């Protein structure tokens, strides 16, 4: 197995290595290595590091890797992982939470519930972190991330940081258009009082529904495809008889057809091939073009 190599000492305060196996950093547990991999110690460390990169250097930002498929040939350029150093999460006003990009969504749901604030319960069902949730307007159980956002802080390659209001973004179902060359590093989220104090009960109910309907025991990325307008991707896939469909170590989950699981032996190529097979069969049977939610990155083996 490839192991990472420390690139420099006396440089960034965070962890900077070459050859980092990306299977360690995505929930499918598959894929090749990154040329360079950086875990900033904090936002200041990140802001100092970014200007040191060549102007043409590709950058991939990741969090918990729950919506990511890294191809087996790995990633050219630099991967920046926010989950270690960008984890600050605290109340800064009446019902306003400051959450950095690496904070798990589930943690935000729990903090809001404990503070008797409502509207965050759906975040308990999102297995990723705030940066990714902002980038794709992640949602679950009828809630969406940007319903809670008042403003965000972004950073660019020069290390410049900017606060931007919600109105500056084009927000839609599972997609957010942001200024080119800027990435999310902080969100400020506003919550209403949970007057009936039922937040914890709602979270338990949502997690129970998730456990009973989703294949949580095997590596997956969560839902693979967006729901098409007026329908459900899982219903269309199941109607094609694709539950249990397999390529190598990748299989369409029996419990929920919009999940593809890794039985422990899947390559990224197995998973990507199965994604395309599902799309082809749904297109042929229903005339519907399924759009992947998952971000597929890197080079083939």
C-alpha atoms as a PDB file:
ATOM      1  CA  UNK A   1       0.000   0.000   0.000  1.00  0.00           C
ATOM      2  CA  UNK A   2       1.254   3.480  -0.867  1.00  0.00           C
ATOM      3  CA  UNK A   3       2.164   5.589   2.143  1.00  0.00           C
ATOM      4  CA  UNK A   4       2.344   9.339   2.376  1.00  0.00           C
ATOM      5  CA  UNK A   5       5.646  11.196   2.547  1.00  0.00           C
ATOM      6  CA  UNK A   6       6.140  14.390   4.538  1.00  0.00           C
ATOM      7  CA  UNK A   7       7.104  17.118   2.076  1.00  0.00           C
ATOM      8  CA  UNK A   8       8.566  19.850   4.240  1.00  0.00           C
ATOM      9  CA  UNK A   9       9.384  20.796   7.789  1.00  0.00           C
ATOM     10  CA  UNK A  10       9.201  24.343   9.069  1.00  0.00           C
ATOM     11  CA  UNK A  11       6.518  25.251   6.506  1.00  0.00           C
ATOM     12  CA  UNK A  12       2.787  25.135   7.175  1.00  0.00           C
ATOM     13  CA  UNK A  13       1.732  24.283  10.716  1.00  0.00           C
ATOM     14  CA  UNK A  14      -0.669  21.661   9.407  1.00  0.00           C
ATOM     15  CA  UNK A  15       0.067  18.272   7.822  1.00  0.00           C
ATOM     16  CA  UNK A  16       1.466  18.468   4.280  1.00  0.00           C
ATOM     17  CA  UNK A  17       2.392  15.166   2.597  1.00  0.00           C
ATOM     18  CA  UNK A  18       2.741  13.583  -0.827  1.00  0.00           C
ATOM     19  CA  UNK A  19       1.192  10.328  -1.976  1.00  0.00           C
ATOM     20  CA  UNK A  20      -1.691  10.324   0.527  1.00  0.00           C
ATOM     21  CA  UNK A  21      -4.055   7.366  -0.138  1.00  0.00           C
ATOM     22  CA  UNK A  22      -7.436   8.945  -0.715  1.00  0.00           C
ATOM     23  CA  UNK A  23      -9.311   5.763   0.180  1.00  0.00           C
ATOM     24  CA  UNK A  24      -8.659   6.879   3.767  1.00  0.00           C
ATOM     25  CA  UNK A  25     -10.588  10.080   3.179  1.00  0.00           C
ATOM     26  CA  UNK A  26     -13.826   9.147   1.444  1.00  0.00           C
ATOM     27  CA  UNK A  27     -16.780   7.133   2.654  1.00  0.00           C
ATOM     28  CA  UNK A  28     -16.627   4.652  -0.269  1.00  0.00           C
ATOM     29  CA  UNK A  29     -13.131   3.650   0.930  1.00  0.00           C
ATOM     30  CA  UNK A  30     -11.846   3.423  -2.644  1.00  0.00           C
ATOM     31  CA  UNK A  31      -9.559   5.335  -4.981  1.00  0.00           C
ATOM     32  CA  UNK A  32      -5.944   6.279  -5.603  1.00  0.00           C
ATOM     33  CA  UNK A  33      -3.515   8.707  -3.962  1.00  0.00           C
ATOM     34  CA  UNK A  34      -3.217  12.498  -4.076  1.00  0.00           C
ATOM     35  CA  UNK A  35      -0.050  14.106  -5.387  1.00  0.00           C
ATOM     36  CA  UNK A  36      -0.130  16.456  -2.406  1.00  0.00           C
ATOM     37  CA  UNK A  37      -2.402  16.497   0.607  1.00  0.00           C
ATOM     38  CA  UNK A  38      -2.777  19.252   3.190  1.00  0.00           C
ATOM     39  CA  UNK A  39      -4.604  19.424   6.509  1.00  0.00           C
ATOM     40  CA  UNK A  40      -4.365  23.065   7.652  1.00  0.00           C
ATOM     41  CA  UNK A  41      -3.977  23.707  11.352  1.00  0.00           C
ATOM     42  CA  UNK A  42      -6.570  26.508  11.172  1.00  0.00           C
ATOM     43  CA  UNK A  43      -7.862  29.166   8.794  1.00  0.00           C
ATOM     44  CA  UNK A  44      -4.785  31.364   9.246  1.00  0.00           C
ATOM     45  CA  UNK A  45      -2.563  28.419   8.295  1.00  0.00           C
ATOM     46  CA  UNK A  46      -4.749  27.796   5.246  1.00  0.00           C
ATOM     47  CA  UNK A  47      -4.587  31.461   4.202  1.00  0.00           C
ATOM     48  CA  UNK A  48      -0.781  31.387   4.420  1.00  0.00           C
ATOM     49  CA  UNK A  49      -0.522  28.109   2.465  1.00  0.00           C
ATOM     50  CA  UNK A  50      -2.752  28.892  -0.523  1.00  0.00           C
ATOM     51  CA  UNK A  51      -0.551  31.644  -2.041  1.00  0.00           C
ATOM     52  CA  UNK A  52       2.419  29.232  -2.054  1.00  0.00           C
ATOM     53  CA  UNK A  53       0.723  27.023  -4.646  1.00  0.00           C
ATOM     54  CA  UNK A  54       1.550  27.528  -8.335  1.00  0.00           C
ATOM     55  CA  UNK A  55      -1.174  29.443 -10.163  1.00  0.00           C
ATOM     56  CA  UNK A  56      -2.012  26.419 -12.339  1.00  0.00           C
ATOM     57  CA  UNK A  57      -2.042  23.902  -9.468  1.00  0.00           C
ATOM     58  CA  UNK A  58      -5.395  22.061  -9.311  1.00  0.00           C
ATOM     59  CA  UNK A  59      -6.978  22.177  -5.859  1.00  0.00           C
ATOM     60  CA  UNK A  60      -9.582  19.772  -4.515  1.00  0.00           C
ATOM     61  CA  UNK A  61     -11.306  20.615  -1.253  1.00  0.00           C
ATOM     62  CA  UNK A  62     -12.695  17.793   0.851  1.00  0.00           C
ATOM     63  CA  UNK A  63     -14.341  17.304   4.216  1.00  0.00           C
ATOM     64  CA  UNK A  64     -15.564  13.947   5.430  1.00  0.00           C
ATOM     65  CA  UNK A  65     -15.571  12.636   1.838  1.00  0.00           C
ATOM     66  CA  UNK A  66     -19.146  11.397   2.035  1.00  0.00           C
ATOM     67  CA  UNK A  67     -20.055  12.652  -1.428  1.00  0.00           C
ATOM     68  CA  UNK A  68     -16.811  11.849  -3.226  1.00  0.00           C
ATOM     69  CA  UNK A  69     -15.536   9.179  -5.614  1.00  0.00           C
ATOM     70  CA  UNK A  70     -11.788   9.317  -6.275  1.00  0.00           C
ATOM     71  CA  UNK A  71     -10.723   7.396  -9.369  1.00  0.00           C
ATOM     72  CA  UNK A  72      -8.072   4.690  -8.984  1.00  0.00           C
ATOM     73  CA  UNK A  73      -5.310   6.697 -10.673  1.00  0.00           C
ATOM     74  CA  UNK A  74      -5.488   9.295  -7.922  1.00  0.00           C
ATOM     75  CA  UNK A  75      -5.529  13.083  -7.957  1.00  0.00           C
ATOM     76  CA  UNK A  76      -3.125  15.420  -9.711  1.00  0.00           C
ATOM     77  CA  UNK A  77      -2.592  18.574  -7.722  1.00  0.00           C
ATOM     78  CA  UNK A  78      -3.296  19.350  -4.078  1.00  0.00           C
ATOM     79  CA  UNK A  79      -6.090  18.087  -1.847  1.00  0.00           C
ATOM     80  CA  UNK A  80      -7.060  20.295   1.099  1.00  0.00           C
ATOM     81  CA  UNK A  81      -8.911  18.566   3.917  1.00  0.00           C
ATOM     82  CA  UNK A  82     -10.791  20.912   6.245  1.00  0.00           C
ATOM     83  CA  UNK A  83     -11.959  18.409   8.854  1.00  0.00           C
ATOM     84  CA  UNK A  84      -8.937  18.642  11.168  1.00  0.00           C
ATOM     85  CA  UNK A  85      -8.208  22.363  11.459  1.00  0.00           C
ATOM     86  CA  UNK A  86     -11.459  24.059  10.456  1.00  0.00           C
ATOM     87  CA  UNK A  87     -13.624  22.689  13.229  1.00  0.00           C
ATOM     88  CA  UNK A  88     -14.609  25.776  15.217  1.00  0.00           C
ATOM     89  CA  UNK A  89     -18.330  25.810  16.013  1.00  0.00           C
ATOM     90  CA  UNK A  90     -19.852  28.215  18.542  1.00  0.00           C
ATOM     91  CA  UNK A  91     -22.824  30.441  19.237  1.00  0.00           C
ATOM     92  CA  UNK A  92     -22.070  34.079  18.434  1.00  0.00           C
ATOM     93  CA  UNK A  93     -25.487  35.649  18.973  1.00  0.00           C
ATOM     94  CA  UNK A  94     -29.101  34.887  19.722  1.00  0.00           C
ATOM     95  CA  UNK A  95     -29.716  31.751  17.691  1.00  0.00           C
ATOM     96  CA  UNK A  96     -26.751  32.366  15.361  1.00  0.00           C
ATOM     97  CA  UNK A  97     -24.124  29.641  15.036  1.00  0.00           C
ATOM     98  CA  UNK A  98     -20.613  30.187  13.597  1.00  0.00           C
ATOM     99  CA  UNK A  99     -19.531  26.922  11.919  1.00  0.00           C
ATOM    100  CA  UNK A 100     -16.289  26.385  10.026  1.00  0.00           C
ATOM    101  CA  UNK A 101     -16.155  24.216   6.922  1.00  0.00           C
ATOM    102  CA  UNK A 102     -14.856  21.098   8.662  1.00  0.00           C
ATOM    103  CA  UNK A 103     -17.654  20.843  11.240  1.00  0.00           C
ATOM    104  CA  UNK A 104     -19.767  17.678  10.767  1.00  0.00           C
ATOM    105  CA  UNK A 105     -23.379  18.449   9.922  1.00  0.00           C
ATOM    106  CA  UNK A 106     -24.549  16.003  12.581  1.00  0.00           C
ATOM    107  CA  UNK A 107     -22.688  18.005  15.242  1.00  0.00           C
ATOM    108  CA  UNK A 108     -24.556  21.152  14.237  1.00  0.00           C
ATOM    109  CA  UNK A 109     -27.880  19.351  14.579  1.00  0.00           C
ATOM    110  CA  UNK A 110     -26.959  18.208  18.082  1.00  0.00           C
ATOM    111  CA  UNK A 111     -25.719  21.646  19.183  1.00  0.00           C
ATOM    112  CA  UNK A 112     -28.891  23.323  17.960  1.00  0.00           C
ATOM    113  CA  UNK A 113     -31.068  20.777  19.701  1.00  0.00           C
ATOM    114  CA  UNK A 114     -29.159  21.176  22.961  1.00  0.00           C
ATOM    115  CA  UNK A 115     -29.583  24.965  22.740  1.00  0.00           C
ATOM    116  CA  UNK A 116     -33.315  24.493  22.101  1.00  0.00           C
ATOM    117  CA  UNK A 117     -33.097  25.823  18.585  1.00  0.00           C
ATOM    118  CA  UNK A 118     -35.124  24.298  15.778  1.00  0.00           C
ATOM    119  CA  UNK A 119     -34.727  23.755  12.048  1.00  0.00           C
ATOM    120  CA  UNK A 120     -31.396  21.924  12.096  1.00  0.00           C
ATOM    121  CA  UNK A 121     -32.705  18.431  12.763  1.00  0.00           C
ATOM    122  CA  UNK A 122     -32.369  17.358   9.119  1.00  0.00           C
ATOM    123  CA  UNK A 123     -28.600  17.935   9.331  1.00  0.00           C
ATOM    124  CA  UNK A 124     -28.369  14.839  11.529  1.00  0.00           C
ATOM    125  CA  UNK A 125     -29.110  12.810   8.385  1.00  0.00           C
ATOM    126  CA  UNK A 126     -26.283  14.352   6.316  1.00  0.00           C
ATOM    127  CA  UNK A 127     -23.019  12.397   6.728  1.00  0.00           C
ATOM    128  CA  UNK A 128     -20.773  15.214   5.492  1.00  0.00           C
ATOM    129  CA  UNK A 129     -19.347  18.461   6.856  1.00  0.00           C
ATOM    130  CA  UNK A 130     -20.451  22.077   6.512  1.00  0.00           C
ATOM    131  CA  UNK A 131     -18.143  22.991   3.603  1.00  0.00           C
ATOM    132  CA  UNK A 132     -19.548  20.281   1.373  1.00  0.00           C
ATOM    133  CA  UNK A 133     -23.096  20.967   2.548  1.00  0.00           C
ATOM    134  CA  UNK A 134     -22.694  24.605   1.509  1.00  0.00           C
ATOM    135  CA  UNK A 135     -21.160  23.723  -1.850  1.00  0.00           C
ATOM    136  CA  UNK A 136     -24.031  21.457  -2.901  1.00  0.00           C
ATOM    137  CA  UNK A 137     -26.909  22.744  -0.757  1.00  0.00           C
ATOM    138  CA  UNK A 138     -27.078  19.343   0.889  1.00  0.00           C
ATOM    139  CA  UNK A 139     -30.420  18.258   2.237  1.00  0.00           C
ATOM    140  CA  UNK A 140     -32.297  15.447   3.921  1.00  0.00           C
ATOM    141  CA  UNK A 141     -35.832  14.768   5.103  1.00  0.00           C
ATOM    142  CA  UNK A 142     -37.184  17.913   3.435  1.00  0.00           C
ATOM    143  CA  UNK A 143     -34.592  20.367   4.784  1.00  0.00           C
ATOM    144  CA  UNK A 144     -31.791  22.112   2.882  1.00  0.00           C
ATOM    145  CA  UNK A 145     -28.563  23.681   4.161  1.00  0.00           C
ATOM    146  CA  UNK A 146     -29.040  27.132   2.646  1.00  0.00           C
ATOM    147  CA  UNK A 147     -32.420  27.521   4.355  1.00  0.00           C
ATOM    148  CA  UNK A 148     -30.343  28.213   7.493  1.00  0.00           C
ATOM    149  CA  UNK A 149     -27.534  30.375   6.060  1.00  0.00           C
ATOM    150  CA  UNK A 150     -27.372  34.127   6.689  1.00  0.00           C
ATOM    151  CA  UNK A 151     -23.848  34.717   5.383  1.00  0.00           C
ATOM    152  CA  UNK A 152     -20.652  32.824   4.591  1.00  0.00           C
ATOM    153  CA  UNK A 153     -16.945  33.493   4.555  1.00  0.00           C
ATOM    154  CA  UNK A 154     -14.936  32.467   1.505  1.00  0.00           C
ATOM    155  CA  UNK A 155     -11.246  32.288   0.667  1.00  0.00           C
ATOM    156  CA  UNK A 156      -9.400  32.449  -2.656  1.00  0.00           C
ATOM    157  CA  UNK A 157      -5.994  31.295  -3.911  1.00  0.00           C
ATOM    158  CA  UNK A 158      -4.307  34.459  -2.703  1.00  0.00           C
ATOM    159  CA  UNK A 159      -5.525  33.739   0.824  1.00  0.00           C
ATOM    160  CA  UNK A 160      -7.961  36.669   0.764  1.00  0.00           C
ATOM    161  CA  UNK A 161     -11.061  36.149   2.888  1.00  0.00           C
ATOM    162  CA  UNK A 162     -14.471  37.712   2.176  1.00  0.00           C
ATOM    163  CA  UNK A 163     -17.842  37.709   3.899  1.00  0.00           C
ATOM    164  CA  UNK A 164     -20.750  37.288   1.492  1.00  0.00           C
ATOM    165  CA  UNK A 165     -24.480  37.378   2.104  1.00  0.00           C
ATOM    166  CA  UNK A 166     -26.888  34.667   1.067  1.00  0.00           C
ATOM    167  CA  UNK A 167     -28.292  36.857  -1.711  1.00  0.00           C
ATOM    168  CA  UNK A 168     -24.930  36.793  -3.514  1.00  0.00           C
ATOM    169  CA  UNK A 169     -25.357  33.112  -4.415  1.00  0.00           C
ATOM    170  CA  UNK A 170     -27.539  31.339  -6.955  1.00  0.00           C
ATOM    171  CA  UNK A 171     -29.027  28.519  -4.881  1.00  0.00           C
ATOM    172  CA  UNK A 172     -31.027  25.595  -6.234  1.00  0.00           C
ATOM    173  CA  UNK A 173     -31.721  21.939  -5.512  1.00  0.00           C
ATOM    174  CA  UNK A 174     -28.349  20.308  -4.720  1.00  0.00           C
ATOM    175  CA  UNK A 175     -26.350  23.062  -6.359  1.00  0.00           C
ATOM    176  CA  UNK A 176     -24.943  26.469  -5.484  1.00  0.00           C
ATOM    177  CA  UNK A 177     -23.283  28.870  -7.895  1.00  0.00           C
ATOM    178  CA  UNK A 178     -20.534  30.871  -6.188  1.00  0.00           C
ATOM    179  CA  UNK A 179     -17.923  33.400  -7.350  1.00  0.00           C
ATOM    180  CA  UNK A 180     -15.192  31.708  -9.384  1.00  0.00           C
ATOM    181  CA  UNK A 181     -12.052  30.901  -7.458  1.00  0.00           C
ATOM    182  CA  UNK A 182     -13.610  31.181  -4.002  1.00  0.00           C
ATOM    183  CA  UNK A 183     -14.255  28.399  -1.513  1.00  0.00           C
ATOM    184  CA  UNK A 184     -16.394  28.242   1.618  1.00  0.00           C
ATOM    185  CA  UNK A 185     -14.595  28.275   4.953  1.00  0.00           C
ATOM    186  CA  UNK A 186     -17.267  29.505   7.417  1.00  0.00           C
ATOM    187  CA  UNK A 187     -21.039  29.690   7.602  1.00  0.00           C
ATOM    188  CA  UNK A 188     -23.236  31.652   9.942  1.00  0.00           C
ATOM    189  CA  UNK A 189     -26.490  29.794  10.500  1.00  0.00           C
ATOM    190  CA  UNK A 190     -29.643  31.207  12.091  1.00  0.00           C
ATOM    191  CA  UNK A 191     -32.111  29.077  14.020  1.00  0.00           C
ATOM    192  CA  UNK A 192     -35.542  29.790  15.447  1.00  0.00           C
ATOM    193  CA  UNK A 193     -36.439  28.880  19.030  1.00  0.00           C
ATOM    194  CA  UNK A 194     -37.578  25.287  19.466  1.00  0.00           C
ATOM    195  CA  UNK A 195     -40.599  26.257  21.517  1.00  0.00           C
ATOM    196  CA  UNK A 196     -41.926  22.730  21.974  1.00  0.00           C
ATOM    197  CA  UNK A 197     -38.424  21.450  22.848  1.00  0.00           C
ATOM    198  CA  UNK A 198     -38.839  18.452  20.571  1.00  0.00           C
ATOM    199  CA  UNK A 199     -35.544  18.746  18.687  1.00  0.00           C
ATOM    200  CA  UNK A 200     -33.911  15.689  20.250  1.00  0.00           C
ATOM    201  CA  UNK A 201     -37.027  13.602  19.623  1.00  0.00           C
ATOM    202  CA  UNK A 202     -37.156  14.714  15.996  1.00  0.00           C
ATOM    203  CA  UNK A 203     -33.485  13.827  15.523  1.00  0.00           C
ATOM    204  CA  UNK A 204     -34.039  10.373  17.032  1.00  0.00           C
ATOM    205  CA  UNK A 205     -36.989   9.847  14.705  1.00  0.00           C
ATOM    206  CA  UNK A 206     -35.030  10.952  11.619  1.00  0.00           C
ATOM    207  CA  UNK A 207     -32.040   8.769  12.490  1.00  0.00           C
ATOM    208  CA  UNK A 208     -34.352   5.837  13.114  1.00  0.00           C
ATOM    209  CA  UNK A 209     -35.910   6.301   9.692  1.00  0.00           C
ATOM    210  CA  UNK A 210     -32.436   6.542   8.167  1.00  0.00           C
ATOM    211  CA  UNK A 211     -31.274   3.338   9.853  1.00  0.00           C
ATOM    212  CA  UNK A 212     -34.377   1.450   8.740  1.00  0.00           C
ATOM    213  CA  UNK A 213     -34.226   2.530   5.089  1.00  0.00           C
ATOM    214  CA  UNK A 214     -30.529   2.986   4.260  1.00  0.00           C
ATOM    215  CA  UNK A 215     -27.629   0.476   4.076  1.00  0.00           C
ATOM    216  CA  UNK A 216     -25.476   1.933   6.842  1.00  0.00           C
ATOM    217  CA  UNK A 217     -23.333  -1.165   7.409  1.00  0.00           C
ATOM    218  CA  UNK A 218     -21.258  -0.948   4.212  1.00  0.00           C
ATOM    219  CA  UNK A 219     -19.195   1.892   2.687  1.00  0.00           C
ATOM    220  CA  UNK A 220     -21.271   4.148   0.440  1.00  0.00           C
ATOM    221  CA  UNK A 221     -21.593   7.836  -0.467  1.00  0.00           C
ATOM    222  CA  UNK A 222     -25.204   8.196   0.597  1.00  0.00           C
ATOM    223  CA  UNK A 223     -27.619   8.935  -2.230  1.00  0.00           C
ATOM    224  CA  UNK A 224     -25.832   8.578  -5.573  1.00  0.00           C
ATOM    225  CA  UNK A 225     -28.347  10.453  -7.763  1.00  0.00           C
ATOM    226  CA  UNK A 226     -30.436  13.577  -7.399  1.00  0.00           C
ATOM    227  CA  UNK A 227     -34.163  13.009  -7.362  1.00  0.00           C
ATOM    228  CA  UNK A 228     -35.632  14.038 -10.726  1.00  0.00           C
ATOM    229  CA  UNK A 229     -38.492  16.566 -10.640  1.00  0.00           C
ATOM    230  CA  UNK A 230     -41.644  14.978  -9.273  1.00  0.00           C
ATOM    231  CA  UNK A 231     -40.093  11.553  -8.716  1.00  0.00           C
ATOM    232  CA  UNK A 232     -37.476   9.622  -6.751  1.00  0.00           C
ATOM    233  CA  UNK A 233     -34.263   8.205  -8.161  1.00  0.00           C
ATOM    234  CA  UNK A 234     -34.538   5.171  -5.893  1.00  0.00           C
ATOM    235  CA  UNK A 235     -38.010   4.341  -7.209  1.00  0.00           C
ATOM    236  CA  UNK A 236     -36.872   4.508 -10.838  1.00  0.00           C
ATOM    237  CA  UNK A 237     -33.815   2.344 -10.165  1.00  0.00           C
ATOM    238  CA  UNK A 238     -35.828  -0.236  -8.249  1.00  0.00           C
ATOM    239  CA  UNK A 239     -38.463  -0.322 -11.007  1.00  0.00           C
ATOM    240  CA  UNK A 240     -35.687  -1.382 -13.395  1.00  0.00           C
ATOM    241  CA  UNK A 241     -34.971  -4.399 -11.188  1.00  0.00           C
ATOM    242  CA  UNK A 242     -31.519  -3.107 -10.324  1.00  0.00           C
ATOM    243  CA  UNK A 243     -31.405  -3.809  -6.608  1.00  0.00           C
ATOM    244  CA  UNK A 244     -28.459  -6.142  -6.112  1.00  0.00           C
ATOM    245  CA  UNK A 245     -26.955  -5.270  -9.534  1.00  0.00           C
ATOM    246  CA  UNK A 246     -23.203  -5.699  -9.240  1.00  0.00           C
ATOM    247  CA  UNK A 247     -19.931  -4.855 -10.960  1.00  0.00           C
ATOM    248  CA  UNK A 248     -16.910  -6.265  -9.150  1.00  0.00           C
ATOM    249  CA  UNK A 249     -17.143  -5.302  -5.500  1.00  0.00           C
ATOM    250  CA  UNK A 250     -19.752  -2.573  -6.068  1.00  0.00           C
ATOM    251  CA  UNK A 251     -23.466  -3.298  -5.758  1.00  0.00           C
ATOM    252  CA  UNK A 252     -26.772  -1.433  -5.809  1.00  0.00           C
ATOM    253  CA  UNK A 253     -28.012  -1.743  -2.245  1.00  0.00           C
ATOM    254  CA  UNK A 254     -30.918  -4.072  -1.542  1.00  0.00           C
ATOM    255  CA  UNK A 255     -32.254  -1.777   1.175  1.00  0.00           C
ATOM    256  CA  UNK A 256     -32.266   1.442  -0.888  1.00  0.00           C
ATOM    257  CA  UNK A 257     -31.775   1.473  -4.658  1.00  0.00           C
ATOM    258  CA  UNK A 258     -30.238   4.969  -4.715  1.00  0.00           C
ATOM    259  CA  UNK A 259     -27.236   3.678  -2.752  1.00  0.00           C
ATOM    260  CA  UNK A 260     -24.208   1.880  -4.184  1.00  0.00           C
ATOM    261  CA  UNK A 261     -22.168  -0.006  -1.605  1.00  0.00           C
ATOM    262  CA  UNK A 262     -18.615  -1.313  -1.492  1.00  0.00           C
ATOM    263  CA  UNK A 263     -18.474  -4.885  -0.240  1.00  0.00           C
ATOM    264  CA  UNK A 264     -14.833  -4.322   0.748  1.00  0.00           C
ATOM    265  CA  UNK A 265     -13.257  -5.221  -2.597  1.00  0.00           C
ATOM    266  CA  UNK A 266     -14.628  -2.545  -4.932  1.00  0.00           C
ATOM    267  CA  UNK A 267     -12.350  -0.347  -6.980  1.00  0.00           C
ATOM    268  CA  UNK A 268     -13.405   3.164  -7.900  1.00  0.00           C
ATOM    269  CA  UNK A 269     -13.727   1.883 -11.477  1.00  0.00           C
ATOM    270  CA  UNK A 270     -16.249  -0.733 -10.306  1.00  0.00           C
ATOM    271  CA  UNK A 271     -18.322   1.965  -8.641  1.00  0.00           C
ATOM    272  CA  UNK A 272     -18.175   4.398 -11.544  1.00  0.00           C
ATOM    273  CA  UNK A 273     -19.065   1.658 -14.037  1.00  0.00           C
ATOM    274  CA  UNK A 274     -22.073   0.695 -11.942  1.00  0.00           C
ATOM    275  CA  UNK A 275     -23.187   4.324 -11.764  1.00  0.00           C
ATOM    276  CA  UNK A 276     -23.137   4.493 -15.570  1.00  0.00           C
ATOM    277  CA  UNK A 277     -24.956   1.152 -15.929  1.00  0.00           C
ATOM    278  CA  UNK A 278     -27.741   2.374 -13.653  1.00  0.00           C
ATOM    279  CA  UNK A 279     -28.049   5.626 -15.606  1.00  0.00           C
ATOM    280  CA  UNK A 280     -28.215   3.746 -18.920  1.00  0.00           C
ATOM    281  CA  UNK A 281     -30.910   1.352 -17.739  1.00  0.00           C
ATOM    282  CA  UNK A 282     -33.063   4.067 -16.181  1.00  0.00           C
ATOM    283  CA  UNK A 283     -32.713   6.164 -19.330  1.00  0.00           C
ATOM    284  CA  UNK A 284     -33.763   3.218 -21.514  1.00  0.00           C
ATOM    285  CA  UNK A 285     -36.683   2.183 -19.327  1.00  0.00           C
ATOM    286  CA  UNK A 286     -38.074   5.548 -18.205  1.00  0.00           C
ATOM    287  CA  UNK A 287     -36.562   8.189 -20.487  1.00  0.00           C
ATOM    288  CA  UNK A 288     -35.154   9.935 -17.399  1.00  0.00           C
ATOM    289  CA  UNK A 289     -31.556  11.160 -17.212  1.00  0.00           C
ATOM    290  CA  UNK A 290     -30.364  10.599 -13.655  1.00  0.00           C
ATOM    291  CA  UNK A 291     -27.897  13.230 -12.463  1.00  0.00           C
ATOM    292  CA  UNK A 292     -25.271  12.066  -9.975  1.00  0.00           C
ATOM    293  CA  UNK A 293     -25.024  13.889  -6.648  1.00  0.00           C
ATOM    294  CA  UNK A 294     -21.607  12.377  -6.077  1.00  0.00           C
ATOM    295  CA  UNK A 295     -18.511  14.303  -7.173  1.00  0.00           C
ATOM    296  CA  UNK A 296     -16.246  12.081  -9.309  1.00  0.00           C
ATOM    297  CA  UNK A 297     -12.641  13.270  -9.394  1.00  0.00           C
ATOM    298  CA  UNK A 298      -9.165  12.132 -10.343  1.00  0.00           C
ATOM    299  CA  UNK A 299      -7.575  10.008 -13.031  1.00  0.00           C
ATOM    300  CA  UNK A 300      -8.414   6.450 -14.131  1.00  0.00           C
ATOM    301  CA  UNK A 301      -5.917   3.752 -13.208  1.00  0.00           C
END
